[in-house]
C-alpha atoms as a PDB file:
ATOM      1  CA  MET A   1       0.000   0.000   0.000  1.00  0.00           C
ATOM      2  CA  GLN A   2       2.874   2.370   0.740  1.00  0.00           C
ATOM      3  CA  LEU A   3       4.292   1.676  -2.711  1.00  0.00           C
ATOM      4  CA  LEU A   4       1.045   2.832  -4.298  1.00  0.00           C
ATOM      5  CA  PHE A   5       1.162   5.980  -2.186  1.00  0.00           C
ATOM      6  CA  ILE A   6       4.694   6.762  -3.373  1.00  0.00           C
ATOM      7  CA  LEU A   7       3.720   6.139  -6.986  1.00  0.00           C
ATOM      8  CA  HIS A   8       0.675   8.362  -6.505  1.00  0.00           C
ATOM      9  CA  LEU A   9       2.902  11.166  -5.195  1.00  0.00           C
ATOM     10  CA  ILE A  10       5.534  10.927  -7.919  1.00  0.00           C
ATOM     11  CA  SER A  11       3.465  10.349 -11.056  1.00  0.00           C
ATOM     12  CA  PRO A  12       1.946  13.875 -11.331  1.00  0.00           C
ATOM     13  CA  PHE A  13       5.446  15.339 -11.597  1.00  0.00           C
ATOM     14  CA  LEU A  14       6.456  13.179 -14.557  1.00  0.00           C
ATOM     15  CA  SER A  15       4.873  15.427 -17.193  1.00  0.00           C
ATOM     16  CA  ARG A  16       6.607  18.469 -15.765  1.00  0.00           C
ATOM     17  CA  LEU A  17       9.930  16.645 -15.674  1.00  0.00           C
ATOM     18  CA  GLU A  18       9.409  15.625 -19.292  1.00  0.00           C
ATOM     19  CA  LYS A  19       9.092  19.267 -20.326  1.00  0.00           C
ATOM     20  CA  GLU A  20      11.817  20.736 -18.152  1.00  0.00           C
ATOM     21  CA  ARG A  21      14.315  18.044 -17.174  1.00  0.00           C
ATOM     22  CA  THR A  22      14.365  15.039 -19.473  1.00  0.00           C
ATOM     23  CA  ARG A  23      17.521  13.542 -17.977  1.00  0.00           C
ATOM     24  CA  ILE A  24      16.054  13.675 -14.488  1.00  0.00           C
ATOM     25  CA  LEU A  25      12.854  12.037 -15.767  1.00  0.00           C
ATOM     26  CA  SER A  26      14.933   9.119 -17.008  1.00  0.00           C
ATOM     27  CA  GLU A  27      16.648   8.805 -13.641  1.00  0.00           C
ATOM     28  CA  VAL A  28      13.330   8.951 -11.764  1.00  0.00           C
ATOM     29  CA  VAL A  29      11.862   6.219 -13.966  1.00  0.00           C
ATOM     30  CA  VAL A  30      14.849   3.953 -13.387  1.00  0.00           C
ATOM     31  CA  GLU A  31      14.599   4.603  -9.640  1.00  0.00           C
ATOM     32  CA  LEU A  32      10.889   3.699  -9.702  1.00  0.00           C
ATOM     33  CA  TYR A  33      11.683   0.377 -11.334  1.00  0.00           C
ATOM     34  CA  GLN A  34      14.437  -0.252  -8.811  1.00  0.00           C
ATOM     35  CA  LEU A  35      12.042   0.570  -5.968  1.00  0.00           C
ATOM     36  CA  ILE A  36       9.425  -1.847  -7.303  1.00  0.00           C
ATOM     37  CA  HIS A  37      12.117  -4.493  -7.741  1.00  0.00           C
ATOM     38  CA  GLN A  38      13.362  -4.108  -4.148  1.00  0.00           C
ATOM     39  CA  ILE A  39       9.888  -4.130  -2.641  1.00  0.00           C
ATOM     40  CA  GLY A  40       8.875  -7.108  -4.789  1.00  0.00           C
ATOM     41  CA  GLN A  41      11.758  -9.102  -3.340  1.00  0.00           C
ATOM     42  CA  GLN A  42      10.727  -8.393   0.241  1.00  0.00           C
ATOM     43  CA  VAL A  43       6.933  -8.693   0.143  1.00  0.00           C
ATOM     44  CA  GLU A  44       4.240  -9.975  -2.172  1.00  0.00           C
ATOM     45  CA  LEU A  45       2.936  -7.226  -4.441  1.00  0.00           C
ATOM     46  CA  ILE A  46      -0.827  -7.073  -4.157  1.00  0.00           C
ATOM     47  CA  HIS A  47      -1.893  -4.312  -6.548  1.00  0.00           C
ATOM     48  CA  VAL A  48       0.054  -5.557  -9.569  1.00  0.00           C
ATOM     49  CA  ASP A  49      -2.606  -4.399 -12.054  1.00  0.00           C
ATOM     50  CA  ALA A  50      -2.369  -0.794 -10.865  1.00  0.00           C
ATOM     51  CA  ILE A  51       1.434  -0.927 -10.872  1.00  0.00           C
ATOM     52  CA  ALA A  52       1.506  -2.450 -14.351  1.00  0.00           C
ATOM     53  CA  ASP A  53      -0.925   0.197 -15.641  1.00  0.00           C
ATOM     54  CA  LEU A  54       1.300   2.970 -14.337  1.00  0.00           C
ATOM     55  CA  LEU A  55       4.423   1.393 -15.828  1.00  0.00           C
ATOM     56  CA  TYR A  56       2.705   1.067 -19.217  1.00  0.00           C
ATOM     57  CA  HIS A  57       1.633   4.700 -18.982  1.00  0.00           C
ATOM     58  CA  ILE A  58       5.161   5.856 -18.146  1.00  0.00           C
ATOM     59  CA  LYS A  59       6.668   3.821 -20.951  1.00  0.00           C
ATOM     60  CA  TYR A  60       4.324   4.925 -23.700  1.00  0.00           C
ATOM     61  CA  LYS A  61       3.861   8.537 -22.598  1.00  0.00           C
ATOM     62  CA  TYR A  62       7.340   9.514 -21.421  1.00  0.00           C
ATOM     63  CA  ILE A  63      10.061   6.992 -22.219  1.00  0.00           C
ATOM     64  CA  GLY A  64       9.190   5.256 -25.476  1.00  0.00           C
ATOM     65  CA  GLU A  65      12.126   3.286 -26.812  1.00  0.00           C
ATOM     66  CA  TYR A  66      14.843   5.477 -25.288  1.00  0.00           C
ATOM     67  CA  ARG A  67      17.629   2.901 -25.270  1.00  0.00           C
ATOM     68  CA  PRO A  68      19.639   3.840 -22.135  1.00  0.00           C
ATOM     69  CA  VAL A  69      16.533   3.746 -19.949  1.00  0.00           C
ATOM     70  CA  MET A  70      15.113   0.652 -21.617  1.00  0.00           C
ATOM     71  CA  GLU A  71      18.297  -1.343 -21.025  1.00  0.00           C
ATOM     72  CA  LYS A  72      18.324  -0.512 -17.314  1.00  0.00           C
ATOM     73  CA  VAL A  73      14.602  -1.130 -16.933  1.00  0.00           C
ATOM     74  CA  ARG A  74      14.752  -4.532 -18.630  1.00  0.00           C
ATOM     75  CA  GLU A  75      17.268  -5.670 -16.022  1.00  0.00           C
ATOM     76  CA  PHE A  76      14.840  -4.828 -13.240  1.00  0.00           C
ATOM     77  CA  ILE A  77      11.877  -6.432 -15.010  1.00  0.00           C
ATOM     78  CA  ARG A  78      13.730  -9.734 -15.272  1.00  0.00           C
ATOM     79  CA  HIS A  79      13.744  -9.877 -11.483  1.00  0.00           C
ATOM     80  CA  PHE A  80      10.204  -8.642 -10.839  1.00  0.00           C
ATOM     81  CA  PRO A  81       7.784 -11.101  -9.248  1.00  0.00           C
ATOM     82  CA  GLN A  82       6.232 -13.459 -11.792  1.00  0.00           C
ATOM     83  CA  LYS A  83       2.776 -11.931 -11.349  1.00  0.00           C
ATOM     84  CA  LEU A  84       4.030  -8.494 -12.390  1.00  0.00           C
ATOM     85  CA  ARG A  85       6.219  -9.851 -15.198  1.00  0.00           C
ATOM     86  CA  ASP A  86       3.166 -11.591 -16.660  1.00  0.00           C
ATOM     87  CA  ARG A  87       1.311  -8.294 -16.799  1.00  0.00           C
ATOM     88  CA  LEU A  88       4.275  -6.494 -18.382  1.00  0.00           C
ATOM     89  CA  LYS A  89       4.969  -9.135 -21.019  1.00  0.00           C
ATOM     90  CA  PHE A  90       3.786  -6.922 -23.883  1.00  0.00           C
ATOM     91  CA  MET A  91       5.658  -3.849 -22.762  1.00  0.00           C
ATOM     92  CA  TYR A  92       9.240  -4.908 -23.266  1.00  0.00           C
ATOM     93  CA  THR A  93       9.182  -7.478 -25.983  1.00  0.00           C
ATOM     94  CA  HIS A  94      12.107  -8.748 -27.911  1.00  0.00           C
ATOM     95  CA  ARG A  95      12.072 -10.431 -31.308  1.00  0.00           C
ATOM     96  CA  ALA A  96      10.934 -13.687 -29.753  1.00  0.00           C
ATOM     97  CA  GLY A  97       8.155 -11.962 -27.850  1.00  0.00           C
ATOM     98  CA  ARG A  98       9.858 -11.981 -24.456  1.00  0.00           C
ATOM     99  CA  LEU A  99      12.631 -10.282 -22.560  1.00  0.00           C
ATOM    100  CA  PRO A 100      16.140 -10.979 -23.827  1.00  0.00           C
ATOM    101  CA  ASN A 101      18.031 -13.733 -21.970  1.00  0.00           C
ATOM    102  CA  GLU A 102      14.826 -15.163 -20.578  1.00  0.00           C
END
């Protein structure tokens, strides 16, 4: 529940960061993925649909296929809980339809 609160606090600032500080937006996105990764290792994520929806929104609205961010994010996704990886399977596809090295 605290993770959702943090995501709720940070997400309104993403559009402003996109306009004013693109590099910082990239860093914030990577930090969000790292935060989700760390929390997912410690406890079971309950609201995976809401988290997945936000991550899809961030990817398609702000990040796109920006390679430096995508490479870092893919590393975190590989270690996300299976439930969340299943919901993100269409976001970061590779030629074979899955994450590289999977």
